[in-house]
Amino acid sequence: MHAKFGDNASYRRAPYVMSVYVFLHFFKYNRPPPVKICNFFYFQIFKEVLLMLQSNVVLLNKHQEILSFRDLAETTVSTYTSYMTSYINWVEEKLPARSLISVSWEEIRSYVKWLKDIKHLNPRTINVHLAQLRDFYHYVLKKDWDHREVPSLRFDEKLPAVPARDQVDLVIDSISNSKHKAEIALLYSSGIRVSELCRLHCKDILRSKNCIYISRSKNRSDRYAILSDKAYDILVNYIRTSYRGAKPDNWLFPGQKTNSHICEMSVYNVFINQLAKVGLSGYGFTLHSLRHAFGLHLYEAGTDLISIKEAMGHKCLSSTTVYLTLGIGNGRTVKSPYDLR
């Protein structure tokens, strides 16, 4: 089913259509936007995002169907589809008479340059764009991808900003709302991802085993995370004061809508606001910094890397070794051989 938006658009040369499926996929908000900006959203939809040639809409839908067939997470499908939408819109604007299958390697390199110089995307993100374009060639256009013509970009490995223990304590202690305090305390004390926190049920808190059950983590596997005694006390206070009717199958942190859990952006806003409140907003900390703090502080306390890897749910040990470097930066364990004599 397609909704057709007039043939007389002044900025288009041919009729453009948008599939209802694509429309709904991109514009699934947790809550409706304010009425006063609805017209702006519609204008952006029509002019910049989803208006494209019908033949290209068909190809985009096919790409999206393949992503869904691979059973990727909904947010991943949405992100990857937006990357392909960006490419198709660029081709229609810069190469209006060209079909997607006839775009040359040189023109694709021009698109990469546009992502880098005009959109100011970092090399890691551009490489994800290229990976989606490669899959689009393989599965949709049935065309080989030449890595020699469009190679991946090299990127810098930057160390994350990690708060010290007293800085984490300062943030958590400054939160007066019991629900928000429990969210941030659990994130740091257990090292879980914010996506995992949002999807916790009350029954996932296993006090008898001092652990938290994580269902379908980022790596698509179940696991257990650490349950801190101090965080548990904060969690109990939250349940007693703000969530007395909680049942085992209920979301641990319910959202505003009935039977929904909190969204990641809500937790992010809580953390950013608290950073500003305690004067730490200029340190480059993000919500994921709490997870890095969990790993680094464990390493600084003498915990071995294998145990940290399992506690954090890392698929590969290479993801955990960053704490070796961060630990050295904090003066941990390594002593110069010049001082050993």
C-alpha atoms as a PDB file:
ATOM      1  CA  MET A   1       0.000   0.000   0.000  1.00  0.00           C
ATOM      2  CA  HIS A   2       1.346   3.413  -0.900  1.00  0.00           C
ATOM      3  CA  ALA A   3       0.279   6.945  -0.156  1.00  0.00           C
ATOM      4  CA  LYS A   4       0.943   9.157  -3.153  1.00  0.00           C
ATOM      5  CA  PHE A   5       1.835  12.791  -2.600  1.00  0.00           C
ATOM      6  CA  GLY A   6       0.927  14.827  -5.660  1.00  0.00           C
ATOM      7  CA  ASP A   7       2.733  15.027  -8.967  1.00  0.00           C
ATOM      8  CA  ASN A   8       3.072  18.792  -8.820  1.00  0.00           C
ATOM      9  CA  ALA A   9       5.735  19.110  -6.140  1.00  0.00           C
ATOM     10  CA  SER A  10       7.869  22.039  -7.221  1.00  0.00           C
ATOM     11  CA  TYR A  11      11.097  20.424  -6.085  1.00  0.00           C
ATOM     12  CA  ARG A  12      10.559  17.072  -7.824  1.00  0.00           C
ATOM     13  CA  ARG A  13      10.459  16.144 -11.474  1.00  0.00           C
ATOM     14  CA  ALA A  14       8.367  13.002 -11.212  1.00  0.00           C
ATOM     15  CA  PRO A  15       5.650  11.439  -9.019  1.00  0.00           C
ATOM     16  CA  TYR A  16       7.026  10.261  -5.692  1.00  0.00           C
ATOM     17  CA  VAL A  17       5.473   7.793  -3.332  1.00  0.00           C
ATOM     18  CA  MET A  18       6.095   6.624   0.180  1.00  0.00           C
ATOM     19  CA  SER A  19       5.116   3.263   1.545  1.00  0.00           C
ATOM     20  CA  VAL A  20       2.974   3.384   4.649  1.00  0.00           C
ATOM     21  CA  TYR A  21       5.226   0.698   6.159  1.00  0.00           C
ATOM     22  CA  VAL A  22       8.313   2.893   5.771  1.00  0.00           C
ATOM     23  CA  PHE A  23       6.420   5.901   7.135  1.00  0.00           C
ATOM     24  CA  LEU A  24       5.380   4.044  10.268  1.00  0.00           C
ATOM     25  CA  HIS A  25       8.829   2.512  10.688  1.00  0.00           C
ATOM     26  CA  PHE A  26      10.578   5.885  10.802  1.00  0.00           C
ATOM     27  CA  PHE A  27       8.045   7.835  12.784  1.00  0.00           C
ATOM     28  CA  LYS A  28       7.263   5.610  15.755  1.00  0.00           C
ATOM     29  CA  TYR A  29       7.494   8.035  18.661  1.00  0.00           C
ATOM     30  CA  ASN A  30       6.982   7.014  22.261  1.00  0.00           C
ATOM     31  CA  ARG A  31       4.606   9.934  22.481  1.00  0.00           C
ATOM     32  CA  PRO A  32       3.047  12.169  19.800  1.00  0.00           C
ATOM     33  CA  PRO A  33       4.909  15.403  18.998  1.00  0.00           C
ATOM     34  CA  PRO A  34       3.331  18.688  20.120  1.00  0.00           C
ATOM     35  CA  VAL A  35       0.640  19.922  17.750  1.00  0.00           C
ATOM     36  CA  LYS A  36       2.535  23.145  17.068  1.00  0.00           C
ATOM     37  CA  ILE A  37       5.415  21.267  15.422  1.00  0.00           C
ATOM     38  CA  CYS A  38       3.417  18.601  13.574  1.00  0.00           C
ATOM     39  CA  ASN A  39       3.447  20.679  10.386  1.00  0.00           C
ATOM     40  CA  PHE A  40       7.231  20.945  10.597  1.00  0.00           C
ATOM     41  CA  PHE A  41       7.565  17.168  10.871  1.00  0.00           C
ATOM     42  CA  TYR A  42       5.307  16.623   7.871  1.00  0.00           C
ATOM     43  CA  PHE A  43       7.339  19.117   5.848  1.00  0.00           C
ATOM     44  CA  GLN A  44      10.554  17.350   6.769  1.00  0.00           C
ATOM     45  CA  ILE A  45       9.027  13.965   5.905  1.00  0.00           C
ATOM     46  CA  PHE A  46       7.904  15.092   2.471  1.00  0.00           C
ATOM     47  CA  LYS A  47      10.942  17.142   1.492  1.00  0.00           C
ATOM     48  CA  GLU A  48      13.967  15.495   3.060  1.00  0.00           C
ATOM     49  CA  VAL A  49      13.374  11.979   4.342  1.00  0.00           C
ATOM     50  CA  LEU A  50      10.910   9.703   2.688  1.00  0.00           C
ATOM     51  CA  LEU A  51       9.944  11.212  -0.642  1.00  0.00           C
ATOM     52  CA  MET A  52      11.637   9.231  -3.347  1.00  0.00           C
ATOM     53  CA  LEU A  53      10.995   7.572  -6.670  1.00  0.00           C
ATOM     54  CA  GLN A  54       8.599   4.663  -6.501  1.00  0.00           C
ATOM     55  CA  SER A  55      11.190   2.291  -7.929  1.00  0.00           C
ATOM     56  CA  ASN A  56      13.602   3.276  -5.163  1.00  0.00           C
ATOM     57  CA  VAL A  57      10.932   2.896  -2.481  1.00  0.00           C
ATOM     58  CA  VAL A  58      10.469  -0.696  -3.653  1.00  0.00           C
ATOM     59  CA  LEU A  59      14.216  -1.325  -3.340  1.00  0.00           C
ATOM     60  CA  LEU A  60      14.339   0.301   0.095  1.00  0.00           C
ATOM     61  CA  ASN A  61      11.435  -1.825   1.303  1.00  0.00           C
ATOM     62  CA  LYS A  62      13.180  -4.940   0.028  1.00  0.00           C
ATOM     63  CA  HIS A  63      16.344  -3.986   1.907  1.00  0.00           C
ATOM     64  CA  GLN A  64      14.308  -3.449   5.052  1.00  0.00           C
ATOM     65  CA  GLU A  65      12.588  -6.813   4.641  1.00  0.00           C
ATOM     66  CA  ILE A  66      16.000  -8.507   4.441  1.00  0.00           C
ATOM     67  CA  LEU A  67      17.135  -6.726   7.611  1.00  0.00           C
ATOM     68  CA  SER A  68      13.986  -7.902   9.384  1.00  0.00           C
ATOM     69  CA  PHE A  69      14.463 -11.418   8.013  1.00  0.00           C
ATOM     70  CA  ARG A  70      17.891 -11.486   9.662  1.00  0.00           C
ATOM     71  CA  ASP A  71      16.057 -10.924  12.972  1.00  0.00           C
ATOM     72  CA  LEU A  72      18.011  -7.796  13.854  1.00  0.00           C
ATOM     73  CA  ALA A  73      16.830  -5.594  16.691  1.00  0.00           C
ATOM     74  CA  GLU A  74      14.120  -3.122  15.771  1.00  0.00           C
ATOM     75  CA  THR A  75      16.344  -0.152  16.564  1.00  0.00           C
ATOM     76  CA  THR A  76      19.112  -1.642  14.399  1.00  0.00           C
ATOM     77  CA  VAL A  77      16.726  -2.097  11.472  1.00  0.00           C
ATOM     78  CA  SER A  78      15.569   1.491  11.874  1.00  0.00           C
ATOM     79  CA  THR A  79      19.126   2.833  11.951  1.00  0.00           C
ATOM     80  CA  TYR A  80      20.331   0.806   8.972  1.00  0.00           C
ATOM     81  CA  THR A  81      17.254   1.739   6.941  1.00  0.00           C
ATOM     82  CA  SER A  82      17.875   5.418   7.665  1.00  0.00           C
ATOM     83  CA  TYR A  83      21.428   5.019   6.313  1.00  0.00           C
ATOM     84  CA  MET A  84      20.114   3.602   3.059  1.00  0.00           C
ATOM     85  CA  THR A  85      17.492   6.341   2.875  1.00  0.00           C
ATOM     86  CA  SER A  86      20.288   8.889   3.141  1.00  0.00           C
ATOM     87  CA  TYR A  87      22.128   7.265   0.221  1.00  0.00           C
ATOM     88  CA  ILE A  88      19.034   7.028  -1.991  1.00  0.00           C
ATOM     89  CA  ASN A  89      18.105  10.656  -1.320  1.00  0.00           C
ATOM     90  CA  TRP A  90      21.657  11.699  -2.179  1.00  0.00           C
ATOM     91  CA  VAL A  91      21.542   9.800  -5.481  1.00  0.00           C
ATOM     92  CA  GLU A  92      18.172  11.315  -6.395  1.00  0.00           C
ATOM     93  CA  GLU A  93      19.428  14.820  -5.619  1.00  0.00           C
ATOM     94  CA  LYS A  94      22.928  14.636  -7.106  1.00  0.00           C
ATOM     95  CA  LEU A  95      22.289  12.106  -9.896  1.00  0.00           C
ATOM     96  CA  PRO A  96      18.609  12.615 -10.782  1.00  0.00           C
ATOM     97  CA  ALA A  97      18.741  10.668 -14.035  1.00  0.00           C
ATOM     98  CA  ARG A  98      20.653   7.712 -12.645  1.00  0.00           C
ATOM     99  CA  SER A  99      19.256   4.408 -11.393  1.00  0.00           C
ATOM    100  CA  LEU A 100      20.759   2.968  -8.214  1.00  0.00           C
ATOM    101  CA  ILE A 101      22.298   0.008 -10.020  1.00  0.00           C
ATOM    102  CA  SER A 102      24.141   2.271 -12.485  1.00  0.00           C
ATOM    103  CA  VAL A 103      25.881   4.469  -9.892  1.00  0.00           C
ATOM    104  CA  SER A 104      29.642   4.303 -10.500  1.00  0.00           C
ATOM    105  CA  TRP A 105      32.318   3.594  -7.912  1.00  0.00           C
ATOM    106  CA  GLU A 106      33.625   7.117  -8.336  1.00  0.00           C
ATOM    107  CA  GLU A 107      30.172   8.485  -7.533  1.00  0.00           C
ATOM    108  CA  ILE A 108      29.931   6.276  -4.467  1.00  0.00           C
ATOM    109  CA  ARG A 109      33.269   7.665  -3.314  1.00  0.00           C
ATOM    110  CA  SER A 110      31.753  11.133  -3.787  1.00  0.00           C
ATOM    111  CA  TYR A 111      28.922  10.074  -1.491  1.00  0.00           C
ATOM    112  CA  VAL A 112      31.449   8.959   1.137  1.00  0.00           C
ATOM    113  CA  LYS A 113      33.202  12.311   0.807  1.00  0.00           C
ATOM    114  CA  TRP A 114      29.834  14.023   1.274  1.00  0.00           C
ATOM    115  CA  LEU A 115      29.225  12.055   4.484  1.00  0.00           C
ATOM    116  CA  LYS A 116      32.643  13.042   5.765  1.00  0.00           C
ATOM    117  CA  ASP A 117      32.946  16.678   4.644  1.00  0.00           C
ATOM    118  CA  ILE A 118      29.338  17.870   4.588  1.00  0.00           C
ATOM    119  CA  LYS A 119      27.575  15.677   7.142  1.00  0.00           C
ATOM    120  CA  HIS A 120      30.708  15.538   9.340  1.00  0.00           C
ATOM    121  CA  LEU A 121      30.238  11.887  10.267  1.00  0.00           C
ATOM    122  CA  ASN A 122      33.101  10.073  11.961  1.00  0.00           C
ATOM    123  CA  PRO A 123      34.890   7.231  10.112  1.00  0.00           C
ATOM    124  CA  ARG A 124      33.280   4.507  12.241  1.00  0.00           C
ATOM    125  CA  THR A 125      29.792   5.683  11.315  1.00  0.00           C
ATOM    126  CA  ILE A 126      30.750   6.046   7.654  1.00  0.00           C
ATOM    127  CA  ASN A 127      31.994   2.447   7.681  1.00  0.00           C
ATOM    128  CA  VAL A 128      28.572   1.320   8.898  1.00  0.00           C
ATOM    129  CA  HIS A 129      27.020   3.275   6.014  1.00  0.00           C
ATOM    130  CA  LEU A 130      29.358   1.432   3.629  1.00  0.00           C
ATOM    131  CA  ALA A 131      28.513  -1.933   5.196  1.00  0.00           C
ATOM    132  CA  GLN A 132      24.826  -1.303   4.571  1.00  0.00           C
ATOM    133  CA  LEU A 133      25.521  -0.166   1.030  1.00  0.00           C
ATOM    134  CA  ARG A 134      27.526  -3.352   0.456  1.00  0.00           C
ATOM    135  CA  ASP A 135      24.649  -5.502   1.731  1.00  0.00           C
ATOM    136  CA  PHE A 136      22.247  -3.504  -0.421  1.00  0.00           C
ATOM    137  CA  TYR A 137      24.383  -4.350  -3.475  1.00  0.00           C
ATOM    138  CA  HIS A 138      24.610  -8.029  -2.551  1.00  0.00           C
ATOM    139  CA  TYR A 139      21.036  -8.783  -1.525  1.00  0.00           C
ATOM    140  CA  VAL A 140      18.909  -6.209  -3.349  1.00  0.00           C
ATOM    141  CA  LEU A 141      20.770  -5.169  -6.484  1.00  0.00           C
ATOM    142  CA  LYS A 142      22.426  -8.613  -6.861  1.00  0.00           C
ATOM    143  CA  LYS A 143      25.699  -6.906  -7.676  1.00  0.00           C
ATOM    144  CA  ASP A 144      29.221  -7.518  -6.388  1.00  0.00           C
ATOM    145  CA  TRP A 145      30.852  -4.956  -4.110  1.00  0.00           C
ATOM    146  CA  ASP A 146      34.456  -4.016  -4.845  1.00  0.00           C
ATOM    147  CA  HIS A 147      36.431  -3.199  -1.683  1.00  0.00           C
ATOM    148  CA  ARG A 148      39.329  -2.011  -3.834  1.00  0.00           C
ATOM    149  CA  GLU A 149      37.146   0.720  -5.323  1.00  0.00           C
ATOM    150  CA  VAL A 150      35.462   1.778  -2.063  1.00  0.00           C
ATOM    151  CA  PRO A 151      37.630   0.719   0.878  1.00  0.00           C
ATOM    152  CA  SER A 152      36.660   1.179   4.504  1.00  0.00           C
ATOM    153  CA  LEU A 153      37.972   4.222   6.330  1.00  0.00           C
ATOM    154  CA  ARG A 154      40.639   4.060   8.982  1.00  0.00           C
ATOM    155  CA  PHE A 155      39.624   5.469  12.346  1.00  0.00           C
ATOM    156  CA  ASP A 156      41.253   6.583  15.573  1.00  0.00           C
ATOM    157  CA  GLU A 157      40.896   4.552  18.756  1.00  0.00           C
ATOM    158  CA  LYS A 158      39.990   7.054  21.455  1.00  0.00           C
ATOM    159  CA  LEU A 159      39.818   6.244  25.135  1.00  0.00           C
ATOM    160  CA  PRO A 160      36.444   6.880  26.788  1.00  0.00           C
ATOM    161  CA  ALA A 161      35.972   9.461  29.509  1.00  0.00           C
ATOM    162  CA  VAL A 162      35.436   7.598  32.778  1.00  0.00           C
ATOM    163  CA  PRO A 163      34.293   9.197  36.060  1.00  0.00           C
ATOM    164  CA  ALA A 164      36.193   8.487  39.256  1.00  0.00           C
ATOM    165  CA  ARG A 165      34.489   6.691  42.141  1.00  0.00           C
ATOM    166  CA  ASP A 166      33.882   9.871  44.120  1.00  0.00           C
ATOM    167  CA  GLN A 167      32.364  11.508  41.022  1.00  0.00           C
ATOM    168  CA  VAL A 168      29.944   8.598  40.550  1.00  0.00           C
ATOM    169  CA  ASP A 169      29.000   8.756  44.231  1.00  0.00           C
ATOM    170  CA  LEU A 170      28.461  12.514  43.910  1.00  0.00           C
ATOM    171  CA  VAL A 171      26.035  12.052  41.023  1.00  0.00           C
ATOM    172  CA  ILE A 172      24.053   9.230  42.651  1.00  0.00           C
ATOM    173  CA  ASP A 173      23.857  10.913  46.072  1.00  0.00           C
ATOM    174  CA  SER A 174      22.583  14.138  44.487  1.00  0.00           C
ATOM    175  CA  ILE A 175      19.473  12.477  42.990  1.00  0.00           C
ATOM    176  CA  SER A 176      16.377  13.045  45.128  1.00  0.00           C
ATOM    177  CA  ASN A 177      13.870  11.136  42.982  1.00  0.00           C
ATOM    178  CA  SER A 178      13.895   7.530  44.233  1.00  0.00           C
ATOM    179  CA  LYS A 179      13.165   6.018  40.803  1.00  0.00           C
ATOM    180  CA  HIS A 180      15.869   7.998  39.033  1.00  0.00           C
ATOM    181  CA  LYS A 181      18.338   7.253  41.804  1.00  0.00           C
ATOM    182  CA  ALA A 182      17.674   3.516  41.484  1.00  0.00           C
ATOM    183  CA  GLU A 183      18.172   3.676  37.694  1.00  0.00           C
ATOM    184  CA  ILE A 184      21.580   5.354  37.885  1.00  0.00           C
ATOM    185  CA  ALA A 185      22.704   3.266  40.871  1.00  0.00           C
ATOM    186  CA  LEU A 186      21.875   0.008  39.064  1.00  0.00           C
ATOM    187  CA  LEU A 187      23.623   1.131  35.883  1.00  0.00           C
ATOM    188  CA  TYR A 188      26.881   1.796  37.700  1.00  0.00           C
ATOM    189  CA  SER A 189      26.832  -0.919  40.341  1.00  0.00           C
ATOM    190  CA  SER A 190      25.942  -3.721  37.901  1.00  0.00           C
ATOM    191  CA  GLY A 191      27.640  -2.448  34.752  1.00  0.00           C
ATOM    192  CA  ILE A 192      24.552  -3.230  32.681  1.00  0.00           C
ATOM    193  CA  ARG A 193      23.676  -1.428  29.457  1.00  0.00           C
ATOM    194  CA  VAL A 194      20.909   1.168  29.513  1.00  0.00           C
ATOM    195  CA  SER A 195      18.917  -0.953  27.039  1.00  0.00           C
ATOM    196  CA  GLU A 196      19.118  -3.843  29.518  1.00  0.00           C
ATOM    197  CA  LEU A 197      18.117  -1.624  32.439  1.00  0.00           C
ATOM    198  CA  CYS A 198      14.996  -0.369  30.660  1.00  0.00           C
ATOM    199  CA  ARG A 199      13.772  -3.914  29.976  1.00  0.00           C
ATOM    200  CA  LEU A 200      14.211  -5.352  33.465  1.00  0.00           C
ATOM    201  CA  HIS A 201      11.224  -6.952  35.170  1.00  0.00           C
ATOM    202  CA  CYS A 202      10.791  -6.973  38.918  1.00  0.00           C
ATOM    203  CA  LYS A 203      11.356 -10.741  38.987  1.00  0.00           C
ATOM    204  CA  ASP A 204      14.787 -10.268  37.354  1.00  0.00           C
ATOM    205  CA  ILE A 205      16.201  -8.944  40.646  1.00  0.00           C
ATOM    206  CA  LEU A 206      17.413 -12.125  42.337  1.00  0.00           C
ATOM    207  CA  ARG A 207      18.265 -11.094  45.875  1.00  0.00           C
ATOM    208  CA  SER A 208      18.858 -14.668  47.054  1.00  0.00           C
ATOM    209  CA  LYS A 209      21.677 -15.027  44.509  1.00  0.00           C
ATOM    210  CA  ASN A 210      22.849 -11.403  44.617  1.00  0.00           C
ATOM    211  CA  CYS A 211      22.502 -11.087  40.858  1.00  0.00           C
ATOM    212  CA  ILE A 212      20.313  -9.639  38.119  1.00  0.00           C
ATOM    213  CA  TYR A 213      18.941 -11.780  35.304  1.00  0.00           C
ATOM    214  CA  ILE A 214      19.452 -10.159  31.886  1.00  0.00           C
ATOM    215  CA  SER A 215      17.279 -11.588  29.115  1.00  0.00           C
ATOM    216  CA  ARG A 216      18.448 -11.271  25.488  1.00  0.00           C
ATOM    217  CA  SER A 217      21.339  -8.899  25.984  1.00  0.00           C
ATOM    218  CA  LYS A 218      23.089  -7.044  23.181  1.00  0.00           C
ATOM    219  CA  ASN A 219      24.832 -10.272  22.185  1.00  0.00           C
ATOM    220  CA  ARG A 220      21.436 -12.048  21.979  1.00  0.00           C
ATOM    221  CA  SER A 221      22.200 -14.240  24.972  1.00  0.00           C
ATOM    222  CA  ASP A 222      20.898 -14.451  28.530  1.00  0.00           C
ATOM    223  CA  ARG A 223      23.309 -13.658  31.346  1.00  0.00           C
ATOM    224  CA  TYR A 224      23.601 -12.595  34.958  1.00  0.00           C
ATOM    225  CA  ALA A 225      24.882  -9.288  36.294  1.00  0.00           C
ATOM    226  CA  ILE A 226      26.084  -8.313  39.760  1.00  0.00           C
ATOM    227  CA  LEU A 227      23.525  -7.048  42.298  1.00  0.00           C
ATOM    228  CA  SER A 228      25.134  -4.578  44.673  1.00  0.00           C
ATOM    229  CA  ASP A 229      23.980  -4.472  48.305  1.00  0.00           C
ATOM    230  CA  LYS A 230      23.937  -0.667  48.314  1.00  0.00           C
ATOM    231  CA  ALA A 231      22.083  -0.514  44.993  1.00  0.00           C
ATOM    232  CA  TYR A 232      19.594  -3.086  46.285  1.00  0.00           C
ATOM    233  CA  ASP A 233      18.834  -0.880  49.306  1.00  0.00           C
ATOM    234  CA  ILE A 234      18.224   2.064  46.960  1.00  0.00           C
ATOM    235  CA  LEU A 235      15.998  -0.161  44.825  1.00  0.00           C
ATOM    236  CA  VAL A 236      13.972  -1.300  47.866  1.00  0.00           C
ATOM    237  CA  ASN A 237      13.451   2.329  48.886  1.00  0.00           C
ATOM    238  CA  TYR A 238      12.183   3.100  45.379  1.00  0.00           C
ATOM    239  CA  ILE A 239       9.713   0.189  45.470  1.00  0.00           C
ATOM    240  CA  ARG A 240       8.438   1.098  48.943  1.00  0.00           C
ATOM    241  CA  THR A 241       8.002   4.809  48.252  1.00  0.00           C
ATOM    242  CA  SER A 242       7.031   4.998  44.588  1.00  0.00           C
ATOM    243  CA  TYR A 243       6.022   1.548  43.309  1.00  0.00           C
ATOM    244  CA  ARG A 244       4.218  -0.261  46.115  1.00  0.00           C
ATOM    245  CA  GLY A 245       1.918  -2.163  43.756  1.00  0.00           C
ATOM    246  CA  ALA A 246       4.780  -3.750  41.801  1.00  0.00           C
ATOM    247  CA  LYS A 247       4.336  -7.410  40.871  1.00  0.00           C
ATOM    248  CA  PRO A 248       7.020  -9.885  39.664  1.00  0.00           C
ATOM    249  CA  ASP A 249       5.984  -9.673  36.005  1.00  0.00           C
ATOM    250  CA  ASN A 250       5.785  -5.859  35.977  1.00  0.00           C
ATOM    251  CA  TRP A 251       8.483  -3.702  34.428  1.00  0.00           C
ATOM    252  CA  LEU A 252      10.966  -2.679  37.109  1.00  0.00           C
ATOM    253  CA  PHE A 253      10.935   0.881  35.751  1.00  0.00           C
ATOM    254  CA  PRO A 254       7.570   1.488  34.068  1.00  0.00           C
ATOM    255  CA  GLY A 255       7.096   4.192  31.468  1.00  0.00           C
ATOM    256  CA  GLN A 256       4.349   6.773  31.223  1.00  0.00           C
ATOM    257  CA  LYS A 257       2.194   4.626  28.965  1.00  0.00           C
ATOM    258  CA  THR A 258       0.311   1.638  30.353  1.00  0.00           C
ATOM    259  CA  ASN A 259       2.345  -1.591  30.282  1.00  0.00           C
ATOM    260  CA  SER A 260       5.421   0.171  28.878  1.00  0.00           C
ATOM    261  CA  HIS A 261       8.929   0.476  30.268  1.00  0.00           C
ATOM    262  CA  ILE A 262      10.999   3.629  30.483  1.00  0.00           C
ATOM    263  CA  CYS A 263      12.821   4.699  27.339  1.00  0.00           C
ATOM    264  CA  GLU A 264      16.583   5.061  27.130  1.00  0.00           C
ATOM    265  CA  MET A 265      16.342   8.792  26.431  1.00  0.00           C
ATOM    266  CA  SER A 266      14.550   9.306  29.730  1.00  0.00           C
ATOM    267  CA  VAL A 267      17.446   7.739  31.658  1.00  0.00           C
ATOM    268  CA  TYR A 268      19.929   9.710  29.546  1.00  0.00           C
ATOM    269  CA  ASN A 269      18.216  12.996  30.406  1.00  0.00           C
ATOM    270  CA  VAL A 270      18.263  12.162  34.109  1.00  0.00           C
ATOM    271  CA  PHE A 271      22.010  11.528  33.994  1.00  0.00           C
ATOM    272  CA  ILE A 272      22.862  14.616  31.931  1.00  0.00           C
ATOM    273  CA  ASN A 273      20.775  16.841  34.210  1.00  0.00           C
ATOM    274  CA  GLN A 274      22.519  15.467  37.294  1.00  0.00           C
ATOM    275  CA  LEU A 275      25.941  16.033  35.743  1.00  0.00           C
ATOM    276  CA  ALA A 276      25.035  19.688  35.262  1.00  0.00           C
ATOM    277  CA  LYS A 277      23.647  19.881  38.786  1.00  0.00           C
ATOM    278  CA  VAL A 278      26.901  18.715  40.407  1.00  0.00           C
ATOM    279  CA  GLY A 279      29.223  20.596  38.030  1.00  0.00           C
ATOM    280  CA  LEU A 280      30.474  17.641  35.946  1.00  0.00           C
ATOM    281  CA  SER A 281      28.886  18.482  32.598  1.00  0.00           C
ATOM    282  CA  GLY A 282      32.190  19.568  31.044  1.00  0.00           C
ATOM    283  CA  TYR A 283      34.026  16.261  31.548  1.00  0.00           C
ATOM    284  CA  GLY A 284      32.718  14.478  28.472  1.00  0.00           C
ATOM    285  CA  PHE A 285      30.831  11.834  30.420  1.00  0.00           C
ATOM    286  CA  THR A 286      27.963   9.969  28.769  1.00  0.00           C
ATOM    287  CA  LEU A 287      25.512   7.461  30.166  1.00  0.00           C
ATOM    288  CA  HIS A 288      27.776   4.675  28.875  1.00  0.00           C
ATOM    289  CA  SER A 289      30.560   6.147  31.017  1.00  0.00           C
ATOM    290  CA  LEU A 290      28.905   4.479  34.014  1.00  0.00           C
ATOM    291  CA  ARG A 291      29.438   1.085  32.395  1.00  0.00           C
ATOM    292  CA  HIS A 292      33.078   1.933  31.707  1.00  0.00           C
ATOM    293  CA  ALA A 293      33.425   3.105  35.323  1.00  0.00           C
ATOM    294  CA  PHE A 294      32.123  -0.269  36.516  1.00  0.00           C
ATOM    295  CA  GLY A 295      34.749  -2.144  34.491  1.00  0.00           C
ATOM    296  CA  LEU A 296      37.633   0.178  35.311  1.00  0.00           C
ATOM    297  CA  HIS A 297      36.896   0.345  39.031  1.00  0.00           C
ATOM    298  CA  LEU A 298      36.706  -3.444  39.205  1.00  0.00           C
ATOM    299  CA  TYR A 299      40.084  -3.697  37.475  1.00  0.00           C
ATOM    300  CA  GLU A 300      41.596  -1.102  39.797  1.00  0.00           C
ATOM    301  CA  ALA A 301      40.309  -3.142  42.750  1.00  0.00           C
ATOM    302  CA  GLY A 302      42.265  -6.162  41.498  1.00  0.00           C
ATOM    303  CA  THR A 303      39.552  -8.123  39.674  1.00  0.00           C
ATOM    304  CA  ASP A 304      40.909 -10.232  36.803  1.00  0.00           C
ATOM    305  CA  LEU A 305      39.897  -9.455  33.224  1.00  0.00           C
ATOM    306  CA  ILE A 306      38.043 -12.737  32.660  1.00  0.00           C
ATOM    307  CA  SER A 307      35.750 -12.033  35.603  1.00  0.00           C
ATOM    308  CA  ILE A 308      35.178  -8.475  34.382  1.00  0.00           C
ATOM    309  CA  LYS A 309      34.384  -9.785  30.897  1.00  0.00           C
ATOM    310  CA  GLU A 310      31.721 -12.132  32.262  1.00  0.00           C
ATOM    311  CA  ALA A 311      30.282  -9.504  34.607  1.00  0.00           C
ATOM    312  CA  MET A 312      29.901  -7.032  31.731  1.00  0.00           C
ATOM    313  CA  GLY A 313      28.599  -9.533  29.206  1.00  0.00           C
ATOM    314  CA  HIS A 314      31.349  -8.870  26.663  1.00  0.00           C
ATOM    315  CA  LYS A 315      31.423 -11.318  23.773  1.00  0.00           C
ATOM    316  CA  CYS A 316      35.175 -10.955  23.230  1.00  0.00           C
ATOM    317  CA  LEU A 317      37.985 -10.344  25.700  1.00  0.00           C
ATOM    318  CA  SER A 318      39.308  -7.608  23.385  1.00  0.00           C
ATOM    319  CA  SER A 319      36.369  -5.430  24.473  1.00  0.00           C
ATOM    320  CA  THR A 320      37.516  -5.750  28.091  1.00  0.00           C
ATOM    321  CA  THR A 321      41.208  -5.017  27.545  1.00  0.00           C
ATOM    322  CA  VAL A 322      40.501  -1.272  27.253  1.00  0.00           C
ATOM    323  CA  TYR A 323      40.534  -1.264  31.063  1.00  0.00           C
ATOM    324  CA  LEU A 324      44.178  -2.335  30.989  1.00  0.00           C
ATOM    325  CA  THR A 325      45.011   0.906  29.181  1.00  0.00           C
ATOM    326  CA  LEU A 326      42.716   2.991  31.353  1.00  0.00           C
ATOM    327  CA  GLY A 327      44.193   1.366  34.450  1.00  0.00           C
ATOM    328  CA  ILE A 328      47.726   2.282  33.385  1.00  0.00           C
ATOM    329  CA  GLY A 329      46.513   5.848  32.900  1.00  0.00           C
ATOM    330  CA  ASN A 330      45.377   5.815  36.520  1.00  0.00           C
ATOM    331  CA  GLY A 331      48.715   4.466  37.765  1.00  0.00           C
ATOM    332  CA  ARG A 332      47.544   0.856  38.138  1.00  0.00           C
ATOM    333  CA  THR A 333      49.899  -2.171  38.370  1.00  0.00           C
ATOM    334  CA  VAL A 334      52.555  -1.410  35.763  1.00  0.00           C
ATOM    335  CA  LYS A 335      55.883  -0.110  36.981  1.00  0.00           C
ATOM    336  CA  SER A 336      58.701   1.025  34.729  1.00  0.00           C
ATOM    337  CA  PRO A 337      61.644  -1.434  34.511  1.00  0.00           C
ATOM    338  CA  TYR A 338      63.906   1.589  35.042  1.00  0.00           C
ATOM    339  CA  ASP A 339      62.564   1.786  38.611  1.00  0.00           C
ATOM    340  CA  LEU A 340      62.958  -1.924  39.339  1.00  0.00           C
ATOM    341  CA  ARG A 341      66.713  -1.847  39.694  1.00  0.00           C
END
